[in-house]
Amino acid sequence: MLLILTGQIRTGKTTWLRARVGALEAAGVACYGVTAPGVWDDRGRKVAIDNELLPGTRRVRLARAADPAEAGGMAWDFDAAALARVNAHLAGLRGGGPNGGEPREGSPHGDASPVRAARPGLLVVDELGPLELRRGEGLTEALVLLAEGPTPAWHHALVVVRAGLAKEAAALLGPAWGEVRELRPDEAGTELLTGVVLGTRG
């Protein structure tokens, strides 16, 4: 199943997601992919975006706040080398995680590392935006992974998409997964995600 975590800007999607990833890992579910925690200054302003590479807690500073006039109309100035590293990490997961797509020692995709999990895992992509869905840029390797659909290493995927792009993402990615469900970063979303991944809810 493809789960689309959606909502407006600053509704706590990534904070919620990272908490759920921690809870699933504690339950023996390996999570693969990337989350995108924000970096905030002492005035409460979001000044940067990190990417946290799953499994593990390795972080890459993906983007810094930029003047939209100086960043092609975008609010963020993306680091090309960091984006390449994140894409390499995602490429290293291709083929199904620890038994199919994990990079070998010395591989350029060395951020992904084998995980021995008690049950099938979860593919996590935080987040897909216009760069990926409309322009074929950004986290391009995430789209490749999602196009594979379920694998032995993960039977389900969770993708973060802003509300205005949720239907577009479902139409593009849903066919590979067979079923698509939207969820919000709330208690009901927690129940849905946990039930689906742990096999107690369809």
Protein backbone atom coordinates (compact mmCIF):
# COMPACT_ATOMS: atom_id res chain seq x y z
CA MET A 1 0.00 0.00 0.00
CA LEU A 2 1.08 3.56 -0.69
CA LEU A 3 0.37 5.92 2.19
CA ILE A 4 0.40 9.64 1.40
CA LEU A 5 1.02 11.86 4.41
CA THR A 6 -0.40 15.23 3.52
CA GLY A 7 -1.40 18.56 4.99
CA GLN A 8 -0.64 22.24 4.74
CA ILE A 9 2.76 23.81 5.41
CA ARG A 10 3.87 23.74 9.05
CA THR A 11 1.32 21.22 10.25
CA GLY A 12 3.99 18.99 11.80
CA LYS A 13 4.21 16.34 9.09
CA THR A 14 7.92 15.66 9.44
CA THR A 15 7.89 15.83 13.23
CA TRP A 16 5.03 13.33 13.30
CA LEU A 17 6.74 11.12 10.74
CA ARG A 18 10.04 10.97 12.60
CA ALA A 19 8.22 9.97 15.78
CA ARG A 20 6.40 7.21 13.90
CA VAL A 21 9.65 5.98 12.34
CA GLY A 22 11.15 5.70 15.83
CA ALA A 23 8.14 3.77 17.09
CA LEU A 24 8.14 1.39 14.12
CA GLU A 25 11.86 0.72 14.45
CA ALA A 26 11.34 -0.05 18.14
CA ALA A 27 8.73 -2.61 17.03
CA GLY A 28 11.22 -4.30 14.70
CA VAL A 29 10.24 -2.55 11.45
CA ALA A 30 13.20 -1.20 9.48
CA CYS A 31 12.52 2.14 7.78
CA TYR A 32 14.37 2.99 4.56
CA GLY A 33 14.60 6.25 2.66
CA VAL A 34 14.75 9.83 3.88
CA THR A 35 13.06 12.29 6.22
CA ALA A 36 13.44 16.07 5.95
CA PRO A 37 13.67 17.73 9.37
CA GLY A 38 13.79 21.50 9.37
CA VAL A 39 16.40 23.64 11.09
CA TRP A 40 15.03 26.62 13.02
CA ASP A 41 16.68 29.73 14.42
CA ASP A 42 16.00 31.26 17.84
CA ARG A 43 13.19 33.38 16.36
CA GLY A 44 11.30 30.33 15.19
CA ARG A 45 12.21 30.84 11.54
CA LYS A 46 12.99 27.83 9.37
CA VAL A 47 16.48 28.51 8.07
CA ALA A 48 17.52 25.19 6.54
CA ILE A 49 16.34 21.72 5.58
CA ASP A 50 18.28 18.61 6.47
CA ASN A 51 17.81 15.16 5.01
CA GLU A 52 18.08 12.27 7.45
CA LEU A 53 19.10 9.07 5.69
CA LEU A 54 17.24 5.95 6.77
CA PRO A 55 18.11 3.51 8.18
CA GLY A 56 20.18 5.40 10.71
CA THR A 57 20.49 9.03 11.73
CA ARG A 58 23.03 10.40 9.23
CA ARG A 59 22.11 13.95 8.21
CA VAL A 60 22.87 16.01 5.13
CA ARG A 61 22.26 19.78 4.97
CA LEU A 62 20.14 19.79 1.83
CA ALA A 63 19.05 23.41 1.53
CA ARG A 64 19.28 26.82 3.15
CA ALA A 65 16.74 29.63 3.13
CA ALA A 66 17.26 31.93 0.17
CA ASP A 67 15.82 35.09 -1.21
CA PRO A 68 13.25 33.85 -3.75
CA ALA A 69 14.54 36.40 -6.26
CA GLU A 70 17.98 34.80 -6.02
CA ALA A 71 16.82 31.19 -6.18
CA GLY A 72 14.76 31.08 -9.35
CA GLY A 73 11.57 31.93 -7.51
CA MET A 74 12.11 29.23 -4.89
CA ALA A 75 12.40 29.80 -1.18
CA TRP A 76 15.33 27.40 -0.79
CA ASP A 77 18.86 27.26 -2.12
CA PHE A 78 19.59 23.55 -2.66
CA ASP A 79 23.10 22.15 -2.33
CA ALA A 80 23.79 20.12 -5.47
CA ALA A 81 26.38 17.90 -3.78
CA ALA A 82 24.04 17.16 -0.88
CA LEU A 83 21.20 16.33 -3.25
CA ALA A 84 23.51 13.99 -5.15
CA ARG A 85 24.42 12.24 -1.90
CA VAL A 86 20.77 11.77 -0.96
CA ASN A 87 19.98 10.40 -4.41
CA ALA A 88 22.96 8.05 -4.15
CA HIS A 89 21.65 6.81 -0.80
CA LEU A 90 18.24 6.14 -2.34
CA ALA A 91 19.82 4.44 -5.35
CA GLY A 92 21.67 2.19 -2.93
CA LEU A 93 18.34 0.87 -1.69
CA ARG A 94 17.15 -0.05 -5.17
CA GLY A 95 16.15 -3.65 -5.68
CA GLY A 96 14.60 -4.22 -2.30
CA GLY A 97 16.78 -3.11 0.55
CA PRO A 98 19.20 -5.30 2.50
CA ASN A 99 19.09 -8.39 0.32
CA GLY A 100 18.62 -6.83 -3.09
CA GLY A 101 19.78 -3.27 -3.35
CA GLU A 102 22.17 -2.56 -0.52
CA PRO A 103 25.50 -1.18 -1.69
CA ARG A 104 28.56 -3.33 -1.38
CA GLU A 105 31.58 -2.21 0.57
CA GLY A 106 33.30 0.59 -1.30
CA SER A 107 30.19 1.43 -3.30
CA PRO A 108 29.56 5.09 -4.12
CA HIS A 109 26.11 4.54 -2.60
CA GLY A 110 27.66 3.90 0.80
CA ASP A 111 25.07 5.70 2.94
CA ALA A 112 22.65 2.77 2.85
CA SER A 113 23.57 0.00 5.26
CA PRO A 114 22.18 -3.52 5.72
CA VAL A 115 19.49 -3.94 8.35
CA ARG A 116 18.32 -7.18 9.87
CA ALA A 117 14.65 -6.59 10.65
CA ALA A 118 12.07 -8.81 12.33
CA ARG A 119 9.45 -8.05 9.67
CA PRO A 120 9.11 -6.29 6.31
CA GLY A 121 10.01 -2.62 6.50
CA LEU A 122 8.63 0.68 5.30
CA LEU A 123 9.92 2.89 2.49
CA VAL A 124 9.78 6.55 3.55
CA VAL A 125 10.14 9.59 1.26
CA ASP A 126 9.92 13.06 2.82
CA GLU A 127 9.02 14.86 0.68
CA LEU A 128 7.94 14.98 -2.95
CA GLY A 129 7.12 18.40 -4.36
CA PRO A 130 6.79 20.14 -7.72
CA LEU A 131 10.48 19.52 -8.44
CA GLU A 132 9.93 15.77 -8.44
CA LEU A 133 6.32 15.45 -9.56
CA ARG A 134 6.29 18.06 -12.33
CA ARG A 135 9.88 18.71 -13.36
CA GLY A 136 11.65 15.38 -12.89
CA GLU A 137 14.27 16.98 -10.65
CA GLY A 138 15.17 16.82 -6.96
CA LEU A 139 14.82 13.38 -5.36
CA THR A 140 14.75 11.58 -8.69
CA GLU A 141 15.90 8.28 -7.19
CA ALA A 142 12.90 8.35 -4.85
CA LEU A 143 10.62 8.22 -7.88
CA VAL A 144 12.59 5.26 -9.23
CA LEU A 145 12.23 3.41 -5.93
CA LEU A 146 8.53 4.15 -5.68
CA ALA A 147 7.99 2.97 -9.25
CA GLU A 148 9.17 -0.50 -8.17
CA GLY A 149 6.18 -0.89 -5.86
CA PRO A 150 6.35 -3.36 -2.96
CA THR A 151 9.52 -5.39 -2.47
CA PRO A 152 10.46 -8.19 -0.06
CA ALA A 153 12.14 -5.59 2.16
CA TRP A 154 9.15 -3.23 2.29
CA HIS A 155 5.55 -4.02 1.54
CA HIS A 156 4.38 -0.44 2.03
CA ALA A 157 5.63 3.09 1.38
CA LEU A 158 4.87 6.43 3.01
CA VAL A 159 5.35 9.59 0.98
CA VAL A 160 5.04 13.15 2.30
CA VAL A 161 3.27 15.51 -0.09
CA ARG A 162 1.67 18.89 0.50
CA ALA A 163 -2.10 18.94 0.25
CA GLY A 164 -2.21 20.58 -3.17
CA LEU A 165 -0.13 17.78 -4.71
CA ALA A 166 -1.66 14.74 -3.01
CA LYS A 167 -3.98 13.71 -5.84
CA GLU A 168 -1.23 14.24 -8.40
CA ALA A 169 1.13 12.02 -6.41
CA ALA A 170 -1.54 9.34 -6.01
CA ALA A 171 -2.23 9.28 -9.75
CA LEU A 172 1.47 9.04 -10.62
CA LEU A 173 2.61 6.56 -7.97
CA GLY A 174 -0.49 4.61 -7.04
CA PRO A 175 -0.56 2.07 -9.89
CA ALA A 176 2.67 0.45 -8.70
CA TRP A 177 1.21 -0.11 -5.23
CA GLY A 178 -2.34 -1.14 -5.96
CA GLU A 179 -3.92 0.84 -3.15
CA VAL A 180 -3.43 4.40 -1.96
CA ARG A 181 -4.55 5.90 1.35
CA GLU A 182 -4.15 9.47 2.53
CA LEU A 183 -3.41 10.23 6.17
CA ARG A 184 -2.78 13.25 8.33
CA PRO A 185 -0.20 13.80 11.10
CA ASP A 186 -2.68 13.02 13.88
CA GLU A 187 -3.90 10.16 16.05
CA ALA A 188 -6.01 8.66 13.28
CA GLY A 189 -2.98 8.77 10.98
CA THR A 190 -0.89 7.02 13.61
CA GLU A 191 -3.47 4.26 13.94
CA LEU A 192 -3.67 3.81 10.17
CA LEU A 193 0.08 3.71 9.62
CA THR A 194 0.73 1.38 12.53
CA GLY A 195 -2.08 -0.95 11.58
CA VAL A 196 -1.05 -1.18 7.94
CA VAL A 197 2.66 -1.69 8.56
CA LEU A 198 2.23 -4.13 11.44
CA GLY A 199 -0.43 -6.04 9.54
CA THR A 200 -3.35 -5.42 11.86
CA ARG A 201 -5.31 -3.22 9.46
CA GLY A 202 -5.95 -3.34 5.74
